N, C-alpha and C. Protein backbone atom coordinates (compact mmCIF):
# COMPACT_ATOMS: atom_id res chain seq x y z
N MET A 1 -26.88 -8.39 1.45
CA MET A 1 -25.81 -8.64 0.52
C MET A 1 -24.43 -8.26 0.99
N ASN A 2 -23.39 -9.09 0.86
CA ASN A 2 -22.10 -8.84 1.36
C ASN A 2 -21.29 -8.02 0.37
N TRP A 3 -20.32 -7.31 0.70
CA TRP A 3 -19.40 -6.60 -0.03
C TRP A 3 -18.00 -7.20 0.10
N THR A 4 -17.24 -7.08 -1.01
CA THR A 4 -15.85 -7.46 -0.94
C THR A 4 -15.07 -6.27 -1.18
N TRP A 5 -14.16 -5.95 -0.28
CA TRP A 5 -13.25 -4.82 -0.34
C TRP A 5 -11.83 -5.42 -0.84
N ASN A 6 -11.47 -4.94 -2.18
CA ASN A 6 -10.25 -5.32 -2.79
C ASN A 6 -9.24 -4.02 -2.40
N LEU A 7 -8.30 -4.27 -1.82
CA LEU A 7 -7.40 -3.12 -1.49
C LEU A 7 -6.08 -3.49 -2.06
N ARG A 8 -5.43 -2.84 -3.00
CA ARG A 8 -4.04 -3.09 -3.57
C ARG A 8 -3.18 -1.97 -3.18
N SER A 9 -1.97 -2.20 -2.96
CA SER A 9 -0.95 -1.27 -2.78
C SER A 9 -0.37 -0.82 -4.02
N GLY A 10 -0.25 0.39 -4.32
CA GLY A 10 0.29 0.90 -5.45
C GLY A 10 2.01 1.00 -5.41
N ASP A 11 2.39 0.71 -4.17
CA ASP A 11 3.79 0.78 -3.80
C ASP A 11 4.84 -0.21 -4.27
N GLY A 12 4.13 -1.29 -4.92
CA GLY A 12 5.06 -2.40 -5.28
C GLY A 12 4.72 -2.91 -6.60
N GLY A 13 5.74 -3.16 -7.37
CA GLY A 13 5.52 -3.78 -8.80
C GLY A 13 4.92 -2.81 -9.62
N MET A 14 4.76 -3.30 -11.02
CA MET A 14 4.16 -2.39 -11.94
C MET A 14 2.72 -2.17 -11.79
N ASN A 15 1.97 -3.36 -11.35
CA ASN A 15 0.49 -3.32 -11.24
C ASN A 15 0.11 -3.29 -9.57
N GLY A 16 1.09 -3.02 -8.85
CA GLY A 16 0.83 -2.94 -7.36
C GLY A 16 0.80 -4.43 -6.80
N LEU A 17 0.63 -4.52 -5.47
CA LEU A 17 0.34 -5.75 -4.85
C LEU A 17 -0.83 -5.82 -4.06
N GLU A 18 -1.48 -6.94 -3.91
CA GLU A 18 -2.59 -7.02 -3.17
C GLU A 18 -2.41 -6.87 -1.57
N PHE A 19 -3.00 -6.12 -1.01
CA PHE A 19 -2.90 -5.71 0.44
C PHE A 19 -3.89 -6.48 1.18
N ALA A 20 -5.12 -6.45 0.81
CA ALA A 20 -6.05 -7.21 1.46
C ALA A 20 -7.48 -7.36 0.61
N ARG A 21 -8.11 -8.46 0.79
CA ARG A 21 -9.26 -8.78 0.27
C ARG A 21 -10.31 -9.10 1.40
N CYS A 22 -11.19 -8.30 1.62
CA CYS A 22 -12.03 -8.37 2.86
C CYS A 22 -13.53 -8.61 2.51
N LEU A 23 -14.22 -9.43 3.21
CA LEU A 23 -15.60 -9.58 3.08
C LEU A 23 -16.31 -8.79 4.36
N THR A 24 -17.16 -7.90 4.02
CA THR A 24 -18.05 -7.30 5.05
C THR A 24 -19.54 -7.37 4.69
N ALA A 25 -20.32 -7.13 5.58
CA ALA A 25 -21.72 -6.89 5.37
C ALA A 25 -21.96 -5.74 4.31
N GLY A 26 -23.10 -5.72 3.60
CA GLY A 26 -23.25 -4.63 2.64
C GLY A 26 -23.59 -3.40 3.30
N ASP A 27 -23.38 -2.34 2.55
CA ASP A 27 -23.75 -1.00 2.92
C ASP A 27 -23.00 -0.28 4.12
N LEU A 28 -21.73 -0.87 4.27
CA LEU A 28 -20.96 -0.21 5.17
C LEU A 28 -20.07 0.77 4.51
N ARG A 29 -20.43 2.01 4.61
CA ARG A 29 -19.97 3.14 3.77
C ARG A 29 -18.71 3.75 4.46
N ARG A 30 -18.32 3.30 5.62
CA ARG A 30 -17.20 3.82 6.56
C ARG A 30 -16.50 2.72 7.12
N VAL A 31 -15.14 2.49 6.78
CA VAL A 31 -14.49 1.44 7.43
C VAL A 31 -13.08 1.96 7.87
N LEU A 32 -12.35 1.19 8.66
CA LEU A 32 -11.07 1.61 8.99
C LEU A 32 -10.01 0.53 8.28
N VAL A 33 -8.86 0.93 8.24
CA VAL A 33 -7.84 0.03 7.60
C VAL A 33 -6.63 0.17 8.40
N HIS A 34 -6.05 -1.10 8.96
CA HIS A 34 -4.89 -0.93 9.73
C HIS A 34 -3.66 -1.15 8.88
N ALA A 35 -2.64 -0.18 9.04
CA ALA A 35 -1.32 -0.26 8.39
C ALA A 35 -1.55 -0.03 6.77
N ALA A 36 -2.45 0.76 6.32
CA ALA A 36 -2.70 1.01 5.04
C ALA A 36 -1.48 1.44 4.30
N PRO A 37 -1.07 1.03 3.18
CA PRO A 37 0.14 1.44 2.27
C PRO A 37 -0.28 3.02 1.91
N GLY A 38 0.88 3.70 1.58
CA GLY A 38 0.71 5.04 1.22
C GLY A 38 -0.08 5.36 -0.03
N GLN A 39 0.11 4.45 -0.98
CA GLN A 39 -0.70 4.51 -2.25
C GLN A 39 -1.68 3.35 -2.32
N LEU A 40 -3.02 3.53 -2.22
CA LEU A 40 -4.03 2.62 -2.16
C LEU A 40 -5.02 2.70 -3.28
N GLU A 41 -5.22 1.43 -3.93
CA GLU A 41 -6.28 1.31 -4.94
C GLU A 41 -7.42 0.55 -4.31
N ILE A 42 -8.64 0.97 -4.36
CA ILE A 42 -9.80 0.56 -3.63
C ILE A 42 -10.82 0.05 -4.68
N GLU A 43 -11.40 -0.97 -4.44
CA GLU A 43 -12.61 -1.60 -5.25
C GLU A 43 -13.39 -2.34 -4.24
N VAL A 44 -14.68 -1.81 -4.29
CA VAL A 44 -15.74 -2.54 -3.37
C VAL A 44 -16.77 -3.13 -4.32
N VAL A 45 -17.02 -4.37 -4.15
CA VAL A 45 -17.85 -5.22 -5.20
C VAL A 45 -18.93 -5.87 -4.41
N ALA A 46 -20.21 -5.82 -4.81
CA ALA A 46 -21.36 -6.48 -4.16
C ALA A 46 -21.32 -7.99 -4.52
N ASP A 47 -22.20 -8.85 -4.00
CA ASP A 47 -22.22 -10.29 -4.23
C ASP A 47 -22.57 -10.45 -5.70
N ASP A 48 -23.45 -9.60 -6.35
CA ASP A 48 -23.93 -9.72 -7.64
C ASP A 48 -22.91 -9.12 -8.63
N ASP A 49 -21.58 -8.84 -8.24
CA ASP A 49 -20.62 -8.42 -9.16
C ASP A 49 -20.74 -6.78 -9.43
N THR A 50 -21.64 -6.20 -8.76
CA THR A 50 -21.84 -4.79 -9.06
C THR A 50 -20.73 -3.98 -8.55
N VAL A 51 -19.98 -3.07 -9.15
CA VAL A 51 -19.08 -2.39 -8.42
C VAL A 51 -19.70 -1.23 -7.73
N VAL A 52 -19.46 -1.22 -6.41
CA VAL A 52 -20.02 -0.24 -5.47
C VAL A 52 -19.26 1.03 -5.47
N ALA A 53 -18.15 0.87 -5.35
CA ALA A 53 -17.15 2.09 -5.41
C ALA A 53 -15.80 1.68 -5.99
N ARG A 54 -15.05 2.58 -6.44
CA ARG A 54 -13.80 2.36 -7.02
C ARG A 54 -12.82 3.68 -6.92
N GLY A 55 -11.67 3.51 -6.59
CA GLY A 55 -10.78 4.88 -6.52
C GLY A 55 -9.39 4.52 -6.06
N ALA A 56 -8.63 5.57 -6.20
CA ALA A 56 -7.29 5.63 -5.76
C ALA A 56 -7.29 6.52 -4.58
N ALA A 57 -6.58 6.26 -3.50
CA ALA A 57 -6.46 7.17 -2.45
C ALA A 57 -4.92 7.15 -1.92
N GLU A 58 -4.30 8.29 -2.11
CA GLU A 58 -2.99 8.44 -1.59
C GLU A 58 -2.93 9.08 -0.22
N ARG A 59 -2.02 8.71 0.72
CA ARG A 59 -1.88 9.25 2.03
C ARG A 59 -1.45 10.66 1.92
N GLU A 60 -2.21 11.49 2.62
CA GLU A 60 -1.84 12.95 2.68
C GLU A 60 -1.56 13.13 4.15
N GLY A 61 -0.41 13.88 4.42
CA GLY A 61 -0.01 14.23 5.65
C GLY A 61 0.60 13.12 6.46
N GLU A 62 0.71 13.39 7.74
CA GLU A 62 1.41 12.14 8.60
C GLU A 62 0.82 10.92 8.70
N TYR A 63 1.71 10.03 8.82
CA TYR A 63 1.42 8.59 8.95
C TYR A 63 0.61 8.34 10.24
N SER A 64 -0.44 7.52 10.22
CA SER A 64 -1.36 7.12 11.29
C SER A 64 -1.34 5.48 11.17
N PRO A 65 -1.42 4.77 12.28
CA PRO A 65 -1.60 3.43 12.05
C PRO A 65 -3.08 2.98 11.57
N ILE A 66 -3.90 3.90 11.61
CA ILE A 66 -5.44 3.54 11.07
C ILE A 66 -5.73 4.57 10.08
N THR A 67 -6.22 4.17 9.15
CA THR A 67 -6.84 4.81 7.87
C THR A 67 -8.33 4.72 7.85
N GLU A 68 -9.11 5.82 7.68
CA GLU A 68 -10.63 5.66 7.54
C GLU A 68 -10.80 5.98 6.06
N LEU A 69 -11.61 4.91 5.46
CA LEU A 69 -12.12 5.02 4.10
C LEU A 69 -13.62 5.33 4.26
N VAL A 70 -14.11 6.27 3.55
CA VAL A 70 -15.45 6.60 3.52
C VAL A 70 -16.02 6.46 1.97
N LEU A 71 -17.06 5.83 1.77
CA LEU A 71 -17.53 5.59 0.22
C LEU A 71 -18.38 6.94 0.06
N ALA A 72 -18.07 7.80 -0.94
CA ALA A 72 -18.73 8.98 -1.25
C ALA A 72 -19.04 8.79 -2.82
N GLY A 73 -20.37 8.71 -3.07
CA GLY A 73 -20.87 8.45 -4.46
C GLY A 73 -20.26 7.09 -4.92
N ASP A 74 -19.64 7.18 -6.11
CA ASP A 74 -18.90 5.92 -6.55
C ASP A 74 -17.52 5.92 -6.25
N GLY A 75 -16.92 6.96 -5.56
CA GLY A 75 -15.53 7.02 -5.22
C GLY A 75 -15.15 6.79 -3.75
N VAL A 76 -14.14 7.09 -3.22
CA VAL A 76 -13.60 6.74 -1.98
C VAL A 76 -12.73 7.90 -1.41
N GLU A 77 -13.14 8.41 -0.21
CA GLU A 77 -12.29 9.35 0.44
C GLU A 77 -11.49 8.69 1.50
N ARG A 78 -10.18 9.26 1.79
CA ARG A 78 -9.21 8.53 2.69
C ARG A 78 -8.83 9.74 3.76
N ARG A 79 -8.77 9.28 4.94
CA ARG A 79 -8.43 10.13 6.07
C ARG A 79 -7.43 9.22 6.86
N GLU A 80 -6.36 9.89 7.32
CA GLU A 80 -5.46 9.21 8.40
C GLU A 80 -6.09 9.66 9.62
N VAL A 81 -6.38 8.69 10.56
CA VAL A 81 -6.98 9.13 11.84
C VAL A 81 -6.36 8.34 13.09
N TRP A 82 -6.43 9.09 14.30
CA TRP A 82 -6.19 8.40 15.47
C TRP A 82 -7.36 8.18 16.10
N PRO A 83 -7.93 6.98 16.10
CA PRO A 83 -9.40 6.76 16.48
C PRO A 83 -9.65 7.33 17.80
N ASP A 84 -11.03 7.93 17.87
CA ASP A 84 -11.73 8.23 19.16
C ASP A 84 -12.89 7.39 19.28
N ASP A 85 -13.92 7.97 20.09
CA ASP A 85 -15.05 7.19 20.42
C ASP A 85 -16.05 7.13 19.21
N SER A 86 -15.86 8.17 18.28
CA SER A 86 -16.59 7.89 17.05
C SER A 86 -16.22 6.97 16.12
N HIS A 87 -15.24 6.20 16.13
CA HIS A 87 -14.65 5.19 15.42
C HIS A 87 -15.07 3.87 15.99
N LEU A 88 -15.25 3.77 17.33
CA LEU A 88 -15.68 2.58 17.96
C LEU A 88 -16.88 1.93 17.22
N GLY A 89 -16.78 0.61 17.00
CA GLY A 89 -17.86 -0.15 16.42
C GLY A 89 -17.80 -0.22 14.88
N LEU A 90 -16.84 0.45 14.39
CA LEU A 90 -16.50 0.54 12.94
C LEU A 90 -15.70 -0.88 12.47
N PRO A 91 -15.95 -1.39 11.16
CA PRO A 91 -15.12 -2.47 10.88
C PRO A 91 -13.60 -2.07 10.58
N VAL A 92 -12.77 -2.90 10.92
CA VAL A 92 -11.22 -2.66 10.67
C VAL A 92 -10.73 -3.64 9.72
N LEU A 93 -10.27 -3.38 8.43
CA LEU A 93 -9.82 -4.21 7.40
C LEU A 93 -8.24 -4.49 7.71
N LEU A 94 -7.98 -5.68 7.93
CA LEU A 94 -6.48 -5.93 8.20
C LEU A 94 -5.79 -6.47 7.11
N PRO A 95 -4.41 -6.13 7.08
CA PRO A 95 -3.69 -6.75 5.84
C PRO A 95 -4.00 -8.38 5.75
N GLY A 96 -4.02 -8.75 4.65
CA GLY A 96 -4.26 -10.17 4.45
C GLY A 96 -5.70 -10.53 4.33
N GLY A 97 -6.66 -9.68 4.91
CA GLY A 97 -8.20 -10.06 4.61
C GLY A 97 -9.04 -10.19 5.83
N GLU A 98 -8.49 -10.25 6.92
CA GLU A 98 -9.38 -10.41 8.07
C GLU A 98 -10.09 -9.06 8.39
N VAL A 99 -11.24 -9.11 8.99
CA VAL A 99 -12.13 -8.09 9.34
C VAL A 99 -12.46 -8.22 10.92
N GLY A 100 -12.30 -7.01 11.71
CA GLY A 100 -12.81 -7.16 13.00
C GLY A 100 -13.57 -5.97 13.23
N VAL A 101 -13.97 -5.69 14.42
CA VAL A 101 -14.65 -4.43 14.88
C VAL A 101 -13.97 -3.80 15.95
N LEU A 102 -13.67 -2.67 15.78
CA LEU A 102 -12.87 -1.82 16.76
C LEU A 102 -13.76 -1.66 17.96
N THR A 103 -13.19 -2.14 19.07
CA THR A 103 -13.93 -2.01 20.36
C THR A 103 -13.28 -1.16 21.44
N ALA A 104 -11.90 -0.93 21.26
CA ALA A 104 -11.27 0.12 22.27
C ALA A 104 -10.15 0.66 21.47
N TRP A 105 -9.69 1.87 21.83
CA TRP A 105 -8.56 2.52 21.49
C TRP A 105 -8.05 3.51 22.25
N ARG A 106 -6.74 3.62 22.62
CA ARG A 106 -6.16 4.73 23.24
C ARG A 106 -4.77 4.85 22.87
N HIS A 107 -4.15 6.31 22.98
CA HIS A 107 -2.85 6.48 22.58
C HIS A 107 -2.23 7.64 23.39
N ALA A 108 -0.83 7.72 23.33
CA ALA A 108 -0.40 8.70 23.94
C ALA A 108 -0.64 10.20 23.35
N GLU A 109 -0.55 11.11 24.07
CA GLU A 109 -0.71 12.38 23.56
C GLU A 109 0.11 12.83 22.31
N ASP A 110 1.27 12.32 22.66
CA ASP A 110 2.51 12.66 21.57
C ASP A 110 2.28 11.58 20.43
N LYS A 111 1.47 10.55 20.46
CA LYS A 111 1.29 9.53 19.48
C LYS A 111 2.44 8.69 19.33
N SER A 112 3.29 8.39 20.48
CA SER A 112 4.32 7.63 20.42
C SER A 112 3.94 6.12 20.74
N TRP A 113 2.89 5.83 21.12
CA TRP A 113 2.39 4.61 21.34
C TRP A 113 0.86 4.51 21.30
N TRP A 114 0.35 3.27 21.10
CA TRP A 114 -1.18 3.18 20.94
C TRP A 114 -1.47 1.74 21.42
N GLN A 115 -2.76 1.54 21.84
CA GLN A 115 -3.23 0.27 22.37
C GLN A 115 -4.80 0.14 21.79
N TRP A 116 -4.98 -0.98 21.36
CA TRP A 116 -6.36 -1.03 20.76
C TRP A 116 -6.76 -2.66 20.89
N SER A 117 -8.17 -2.64 20.69
CA SER A 117 -8.66 -4.01 20.81
C SER A 117 -9.73 -4.21 19.66
N VAL A 118 -9.80 -5.17 19.04
CA VAL A 118 -10.58 -5.70 17.76
C VAL A 118 -11.33 -6.96 18.13
N GLU A 119 -12.47 -6.99 17.84
CA GLU A 119 -13.47 -8.32 18.13
C GLU A 119 -13.55 -8.84 16.81
N PHE A 120 -13.39 -10.12 16.72
CA PHE A 120 -13.70 -10.96 15.67
C PHE A 120 -14.86 -11.99 15.64
N SER A 121 -15.68 -12.06 14.66
CA SER A 121 -16.63 -13.24 14.66
C SER A 121 -16.86 -13.50 13.17
N ASN A 122 -17.38 -14.68 13.02
CA ASN A 122 -17.58 -15.31 11.70
C ASN A 122 -18.78 -16.20 11.71
N HIS A 123 -18.99 -16.62 10.55
CA HIS A 123 -20.08 -17.72 10.26
C HIS A 123 -19.59 -18.49 9.18
N LYS A 124 -19.74 -19.89 9.37
CA LYS A 124 -19.13 -20.81 8.23
C LYS A 124 -19.76 -20.63 6.76
N GLU A 125 -20.99 -20.22 6.81
CA GLU A 125 -21.78 -20.19 5.64
C GLU A 125 -21.83 -18.92 4.91
N ARG A 126 -21.15 -17.91 5.42
CA ARG A 126 -21.16 -16.50 4.81
C ARG A 126 -22.59 -15.95 4.55
N PRO A 127 -23.52 -16.04 5.46
CA PRO A 127 -24.80 -15.42 4.95
C PRO A 127 -24.76 -13.87 4.71
N ALA A 128 -25.66 -13.36 3.90
CA ALA A 128 -25.38 -11.85 3.74
C ALA A 128 -25.83 -11.14 4.88
N ASP A 129 -24.90 -10.13 5.13
CA ASP A 129 -25.20 -9.11 6.19
C ASP A 129 -25.20 -9.77 7.59
N TRP A 130 -24.65 -10.91 7.92
CA TRP A 130 -24.79 -11.50 9.14
C TRP A 130 -23.88 -10.86 10.09
N GLU A 131 -24.24 -10.81 11.28
CA GLU A 131 -23.53 -10.28 12.51
C GLU A 131 -23.97 -11.14 13.70
N PRO A 132 -23.15 -11.30 14.71
CA PRO A 132 -23.61 -12.24 15.82
C PRO A 132 -24.58 -11.44 16.67
N PRO A 133 -25.30 -11.99 17.58
CA PRO A 133 -26.17 -11.34 18.61
C PRO A 133 -25.35 -10.48 19.44
N ASP A 134 -25.82 -9.28 19.75
CA ASP A 134 -25.18 -8.43 20.66
C ASP A 134 -23.75 -7.74 20.12
N SER A 135 -23.82 -7.69 18.81
CA SER A 135 -22.70 -7.26 17.95
C SER A 135 -22.43 -5.80 18.30
N LYS A 136 -21.05 -5.47 18.25
CA LYS A 136 -20.75 -4.00 18.54
C LYS A 136 -20.56 -3.31 17.30
N LEU A 137 -20.90 -3.91 16.17
CA LEU A 137 -20.65 -3.33 14.79
C LEU A 137 -21.65 -2.12 14.63
N ARG A 138 -21.13 -1.09 14.20
CA ARG A 138 -21.87 0.07 13.98
C ARG A 138 -22.05 0.43 12.53
N ARG A 139 -23.32 0.43 12.18
CA ARG A 139 -23.64 0.68 10.67
C ARG A 139 -23.80 2.22 10.35
């Protein structure tokens, strides 16, 4: 079963603005988000329209180019992270709705720059929980 991640920014307009609507395989309880807004409304919905999780998550602390979302019960926990090896293989939700897999990350010690790589793959028929052979996706 696939999951749709609806991410809305609470930073714009009375009802916020859509930031990303992303499709992932089901049961991915930990994802990364690139350039997440400070105020984020999250809803994760399964193919059968069951709400998997829903919550609001505000940025706490310093900005990071990557935000980690972790599903906890029926809610969502948010952490601003500078990825390390433990984040490699996680899906990255990008503004607008694309999803890739983090394959590499490095940054300056003072966090003045970063460099990263994301792998993309897709299937035209969107079968449930599909991933390519030899995928780097970590569940």
